[in-house]
Structure formats: C-alpha cells, structure tokens
Protein backbone atom coordinates (compact mmCIF):
# COMPACT_ATOMS: atom_id res chain seq x y z
CA MET A 1 0.00 0.00 0.00
CA THR A 2 1.17 3.47 -0.75
CA GLU A 3 1.25 6.24 1.82
CA ASN A 4 -1.83 7.91 0.34
CA GLN A 5 -3.80 4.70 0.57
CA ILE A 6 -2.77 4.24 4.21
CA LEU A 7 -3.86 7.79 5.05
CA ALA A 8 -7.16 7.30 3.22
CA LEU A 9 -7.75 4.08 5.15
CA ILE A 10 -6.99 5.75 8.47
CA SER A 11 -9.26 8.69 7.75
CA SER A 12 -12.07 6.39 6.61
CA VAL A 13 -11.83 4.35 9.80
CA LEU A 14 -11.87 7.50 11.93
CA VAL A 15 -14.95 8.84 10.16
CA LEU A 16 -16.68 5.48 10.53
CA ILE A 17 -15.93 5.40 14.26
CA LEU A 18 -17.21 8.95 14.64
CA LEU A 19 -20.44 8.18 12.81
CA LEU A 20 -21.05 4.97 14.76
CA ARG A 21 -20.47 6.67 18.10
CA GLY A 22 -22.76 9.54 17.15
CA SER A 23 -25.58 7.24 16.17
CA ARG A 24 -25.40 5.10 19.33
CA LEU A 25 -24.81 7.70 22.02
CA PRO A 26 -27.39 10.27 23.06
CA ASN A 27 -26.51 13.92 22.70
CA ARG A 28 -24.31 14.68 25.73
CA GLY A 29 -23.31 18.20 24.84
CA VAL A 30 -20.84 20.08 22.73
CA LEU A 31 -17.63 19.56 24.72
CA PRO A 32 -17.16 15.81 24.01
CA GLN A 33 -17.83 16.43 20.33
CA ILE A 34 -15.21 19.19 20.25
CA ALA A 35 -12.71 16.90 21.95
CA ILE A 36 -13.38 14.13 19.41
CA TRP A 37 -12.91 16.49 16.46
CA LEU A 38 -9.71 17.93 17.91
CA ALA A 39 -8.35 14.42 18.40
CA ILE A 40 -9.21 13.54 14.80
CA PHE A 41 -7.48 16.65 13.45
CA ALA A 42 -4.44 16.00 15.67
CA LEU A 43 -4.19 12.42 14.40
CA LEU A 44 -4.52 13.55 10.80
CA GLY A 45 -1.83 16.18 11.29
CA LEU A 46 0.48 13.69 12.96
CA SER A 47 -0.07 11.11 10.25
CA TYR A 48 0.64 13.71 7.57
CA LYS A 49 3.84 14.71 9.37
CA VAL A 50 4.97 11.07 9.51
CA PHE A 51 3.98 10.16 5.94
CA GLN A 52 4.53 13.52 4.23
CA PRO A 53 5.86 13.38 0.69
CA THR A 54 9.48 14.32 0.26
C-alpha cells in the first residue's frame, strides 16, 4: 500500500468510528464532540507529518 492509501484508510476508519459513536450515544453536549474532532485533526496532522511526501 502506498502512503496515500494508508492515510485514506486511516481517515475512513476515523470517520466510521465517529459516525457509529454519534448514532449510538445520546446527545451529551458540545464539549465531548469538540474533543473528538480535535483528536481527529491532531491524528490527521500527525499522520501527515509522519507520511509527508518528500
């Protein structure tokens, strides 16, 4: 697998997890959702830094 395919797979899994959690859990407020999105963006940034093209 190429680096782009790995990043696409990771992002797809993260979106799937986010959608599944949102459909199963009741609405608990804005703060947990903000924390989840910040974690997703941090993971995407870290993965880009690790797998960035040279």
